Amino acid sequence: MKNTTAKKGKRTTIRSSRFDDNAVARMEEMLQENPLVKPSILIRAGILALYRMEKSDRYQVILDAAAH
């Protein structure tokens, strides 16, 4: 549920992203799990999840993603 009392943040548009076939397939699978989720929300959730990780775990996930 949306927090209607939260202060709105600055919005920055990221104009392009490239995803390999595996990333697209994972994203489509997650989007199909809940029709209310949009790609932009999924990407923001991924950033939030990385941010909440310990730095060493975050770095490892980033290295794993870069290798694919």
N, C-alpha and C. Protein backbone atom coordinates (compact mmCIF):
# COMPACT_ATOMS: atom_id res chain seq x y z
N MET A 1 0.84 -1.17 0.00
CA MET A 1 0.00 0.00 0.00
C MET A 1 0.89 1.24 0.00
N LYS A 2 0.52 2.23 -0.77
CA LYS A 2 1.30 3.46 -0.87
C LYS A 2 1.21 4.28 0.40
N ASN A 3 2.34 4.87 0.77
CA ASN A 3 2.36 5.80 1.89
C ASN A 3 2.00 7.17 1.34
N THR A 4 0.80 7.62 1.61
CA THR A 4 0.32 8.89 1.04
C THR A 4 0.85 10.10 1.79
N THR A 5 1.47 9.88 2.95
CA THR A 5 2.01 10.99 3.72
C THR A 5 3.51 11.20 3.48
N ALA A 6 4.13 10.29 2.76
CA ALA A 6 5.58 10.38 2.50
C ALA A 6 5.87 11.55 1.56
N LYS A 7 7.00 12.20 1.80
CA LYS A 7 7.43 13.30 0.94
C LYS A 7 7.87 12.74 -0.40
N LYS A 8 7.43 13.36 -1.47
CA LYS A 8 7.80 12.92 -2.81
C LYS A 8 9.27 13.23 -3.06
N GLY A 9 9.96 12.28 -3.65
CA GLY A 9 11.37 12.47 -3.95
C GLY A 9 11.57 13.04 -5.34
N LYS A 10 12.76 13.49 -5.59
CA LYS A 10 13.12 13.97 -6.92
C LYS A 10 13.14 12.79 -7.87
N ARG A 11 12.60 12.99 -9.02
CA ARG A 11 12.59 11.92 -10.02
C ARG A 11 13.66 12.18 -11.07
N THR A 12 14.42 11.17 -11.35
CA THR A 12 15.44 11.24 -12.38
C THR A 12 15.14 10.15 -13.39
N THR A 13 15.09 10.50 -14.64
CA THR A 13 14.82 9.53 -15.68
C THR A 13 16.12 8.93 -16.18
N ILE A 14 16.17 7.62 -16.17
CA ILE A 14 17.29 6.91 -16.79
C ILE A 14 16.81 6.52 -18.17
N ARG A 15 17.47 7.04 -19.16
CA ARG A 15 16.95 6.96 -20.52
C ARG A 15 17.10 5.60 -21.18
N SER A 16 18.10 4.85 -20.84
CA SER A 16 18.24 3.55 -21.51
C SER A 16 18.92 2.55 -20.59
N SER A 17 18.53 1.33 -20.76
CA SER A 17 19.14 0.21 -20.07
C SER A 17 19.18 -0.95 -21.04
N ARG A 18 20.22 -1.74 -20.96
CA ARG A 18 20.30 -2.93 -21.80
C ARG A 18 20.28 -4.15 -20.91
N PHE A 19 19.49 -5.12 -21.30
CA PHE A 19 19.38 -6.36 -20.54
C PHE A 19 19.62 -7.53 -21.47
N ASP A 20 20.35 -8.54 -20.97
CA ASP A 20 20.54 -9.74 -21.78
C ASP A 20 19.26 -10.59 -21.70
N ASP A 21 19.22 -11.65 -22.48
CA ASP A 21 18.01 -12.47 -22.55
C ASP A 21 17.64 -13.07 -21.19
N ASN A 22 18.65 -13.47 -20.42
CA ASN A 22 18.37 -14.05 -19.10
C ASN A 22 17.75 -13.02 -18.17
N ALA A 23 18.26 -11.81 -18.18
CA ALA A 23 17.70 -10.76 -17.33
C ALA A 23 16.27 -10.42 -17.75
N VAL A 24 16.03 -10.38 -19.04
CA VAL A 24 14.67 -10.10 -19.53
C VAL A 24 13.72 -11.20 -19.09
N ALA A 25 14.16 -12.45 -19.20
CA ALA A 25 13.31 -13.57 -18.80
C ALA A 25 13.01 -13.52 -17.30
N ARG A 26 14.01 -13.20 -16.49
CA ARG A 26 13.78 -13.07 -15.04
C ARG A 26 12.81 -11.95 -14.73
N MET A 27 12.99 -10.83 -15.41
CA MET A 27 12.12 -9.69 -15.18
C MET A 27 10.69 -10.01 -15.59
N GLU A 28 10.51 -10.61 -16.74
CA GLU A 28 9.16 -10.97 -17.21
C GLU A 28 8.49 -11.95 -16.25
N GLU A 29 9.27 -12.89 -15.72
CA GLU A 29 8.72 -13.85 -14.76
C GLU A 29 8.22 -13.12 -13.51
N MET A 30 9.01 -12.19 -12.99
CA MET A 30 8.61 -11.45 -11.80
C MET A 30 7.42 -10.53 -12.08
N LEU A 31 7.37 -9.96 -13.27
CA LEU A 31 6.24 -9.10 -13.63
C LEU A 31 4.95 -9.89 -13.75
N GLN A 32 5.04 -11.13 -14.21
CA GLN A 32 3.85 -11.97 -14.34
C GLN A 32 3.31 -12.43 -12.99
N GLU A 33 4.17 -12.43 -11.97
CA GLU A 33 3.73 -12.83 -10.63
C GLU A 33 2.70 -11.87 -10.06
N ASN A 34 2.79 -10.60 -10.45
CA ASN A 34 1.88 -9.58 -9.93
C ASN A 34 1.64 -8.53 -11.01
N PRO A 35 0.44 -8.49 -11.56
CA PRO A 35 0.16 -7.55 -12.65
C PRO A 35 0.22 -6.08 -12.23
N LEU A 36 0.25 -5.79 -10.94
CA LEU A 36 0.34 -4.41 -10.47
C LEU A 36 1.77 -3.88 -10.49
N VAL A 37 2.73 -4.78 -10.63
CA VAL A 37 4.14 -4.37 -10.66
C VAL A 37 4.52 -3.97 -12.08
N LYS A 38 5.18 -2.84 -12.19
CA LYS A 38 5.66 -2.34 -13.48
C LYS A 38 7.17 -2.48 -13.52
N PRO A 39 7.76 -2.49 -14.72
CA PRO A 39 9.22 -2.61 -14.81
C PRO A 39 9.96 -1.56 -13.99
N SER A 40 9.49 -0.34 -13.98
CA SER A 40 10.17 0.71 -13.22
C SER A 40 10.16 0.41 -11.72
N ILE A 41 9.07 -0.15 -11.22
CA ILE A 41 8.99 -0.51 -9.80
C ILE A 41 9.94 -1.65 -9.50
N LEU A 42 10.01 -2.61 -10.41
CA LEU A 42 10.89 -3.76 -10.23
C LEU A 42 12.35 -3.32 -10.18
N ILE A 43 12.72 -2.40 -11.03
CA ILE A 43 14.10 -1.90 -11.04
C ILE A 43 14.38 -1.12 -9.76
N ARG A 44 13.44 -0.29 -9.32
CA ARG A 44 13.63 0.44 -8.06
C ARG A 44 13.74 -0.53 -6.88
N ALA A 45 12.96 -1.60 -6.92
CA ALA A 45 13.02 -2.62 -5.86
C ALA A 45 14.39 -3.29 -5.85
N GLY A 46 14.93 -3.55 -7.03
CA GLY A 46 16.27 -4.15 -7.11
C GLY A 46 17.33 -3.24 -6.53
N ILE A 47 17.22 -1.96 -6.81
CA ILE A 47 18.18 -0.99 -6.26
C ILE A 47 18.05 -0.94 -4.74
N LEU A 48 16.81 -0.93 -4.25
CA LEU A 48 16.58 -0.90 -2.81
C LEU A 48 17.13 -2.17 -2.15
N ALA A 49 16.90 -3.32 -2.77
CA ALA A 49 17.40 -4.58 -2.22
C ALA A 49 18.93 -4.57 -2.15
N LEU A 50 19.57 -4.09 -3.20
CA LEU A 50 21.04 -3.99 -3.19
C LEU A 50 21.51 -3.04 -2.09
N TYR A 51 20.83 -1.93 -1.95
CA TYR A 51 21.20 -0.93 -0.95
C TYR A 51 21.11 -1.50 0.47
N ARG A 52 20.14 -2.37 0.71
CA ARG A 52 19.93 -2.94 2.04
C ARG A 52 20.92 -4.05 2.38
N MET A 53 21.64 -4.54 1.40
CA MET A 53 22.61 -5.62 1.63
C MET A 53 23.88 -5.10 2.28
N GLU A 54 24.59 -6.01 2.90
CA GLU A 54 25.94 -5.70 3.35
C GLU A 54 26.77 -5.38 2.11
N LYS A 55 27.73 -4.49 2.26
CA LYS A 55 28.52 -4.05 1.10
C LYS A 55 29.20 -5.21 0.39
N SER A 56 29.72 -6.17 1.14
CA SER A 56 30.41 -7.29 0.50
C SER A 56 29.44 -8.14 -0.32
N ASP A 57 28.22 -8.36 0.20
CA ASP A 57 27.21 -9.12 -0.55
C ASP A 57 26.77 -8.35 -1.78
N ARG A 58 26.57 -7.05 -1.60
CA ARG A 58 26.16 -6.20 -2.73
C ARG A 58 27.19 -6.25 -3.84
N TYR A 59 28.46 -6.11 -3.47
CA TYR A 59 29.54 -6.14 -4.45
C TYR A 59 29.55 -7.46 -5.21
N GLN A 60 29.34 -8.57 -4.48
CA GLN A 60 29.33 -9.89 -5.13
C GLN A 60 28.18 -10.01 -6.13
N VAL A 61 27.00 -9.52 -5.77
CA VAL A 61 25.85 -9.57 -6.69
C VAL A 61 26.15 -8.71 -7.93
N ILE A 62 26.75 -7.56 -7.72
CA ILE A 62 27.09 -6.68 -8.85
C ILE A 62 28.11 -7.36 -9.76
N LEU A 63 29.11 -8.01 -9.18
CA LEU A 63 30.09 -8.73 -9.99
C LEU A 63 29.45 -9.87 -10.75
N ASP A 64 28.53 -10.61 -10.10
CA ASP A 64 27.82 -11.70 -10.77
C ASP A 64 27.00 -11.18 -11.94
N ALA A 65 26.33 -10.06 -11.75
CA ALA A 65 25.52 -9.48 -12.82
C ALA A 65 26.40 -9.00 -13.96
N ALA A 66 27.54 -8.43 -13.64
CA ALA A 66 28.45 -7.93 -14.68
C ALA A 66 29.03 -9.06 -15.52
N ALA A 67 29.15 -10.23 -14.92
CA ALA A 67 29.74 -11.38 -15.61
C ALA A 67 28.79 -12.00 -16.63
N HIS A 68 27.52 -11.67 -16.53
CA HIS A 68 26.54 -12.28 -17.45
C HIS A 68 26.25 -11.33 -18.53
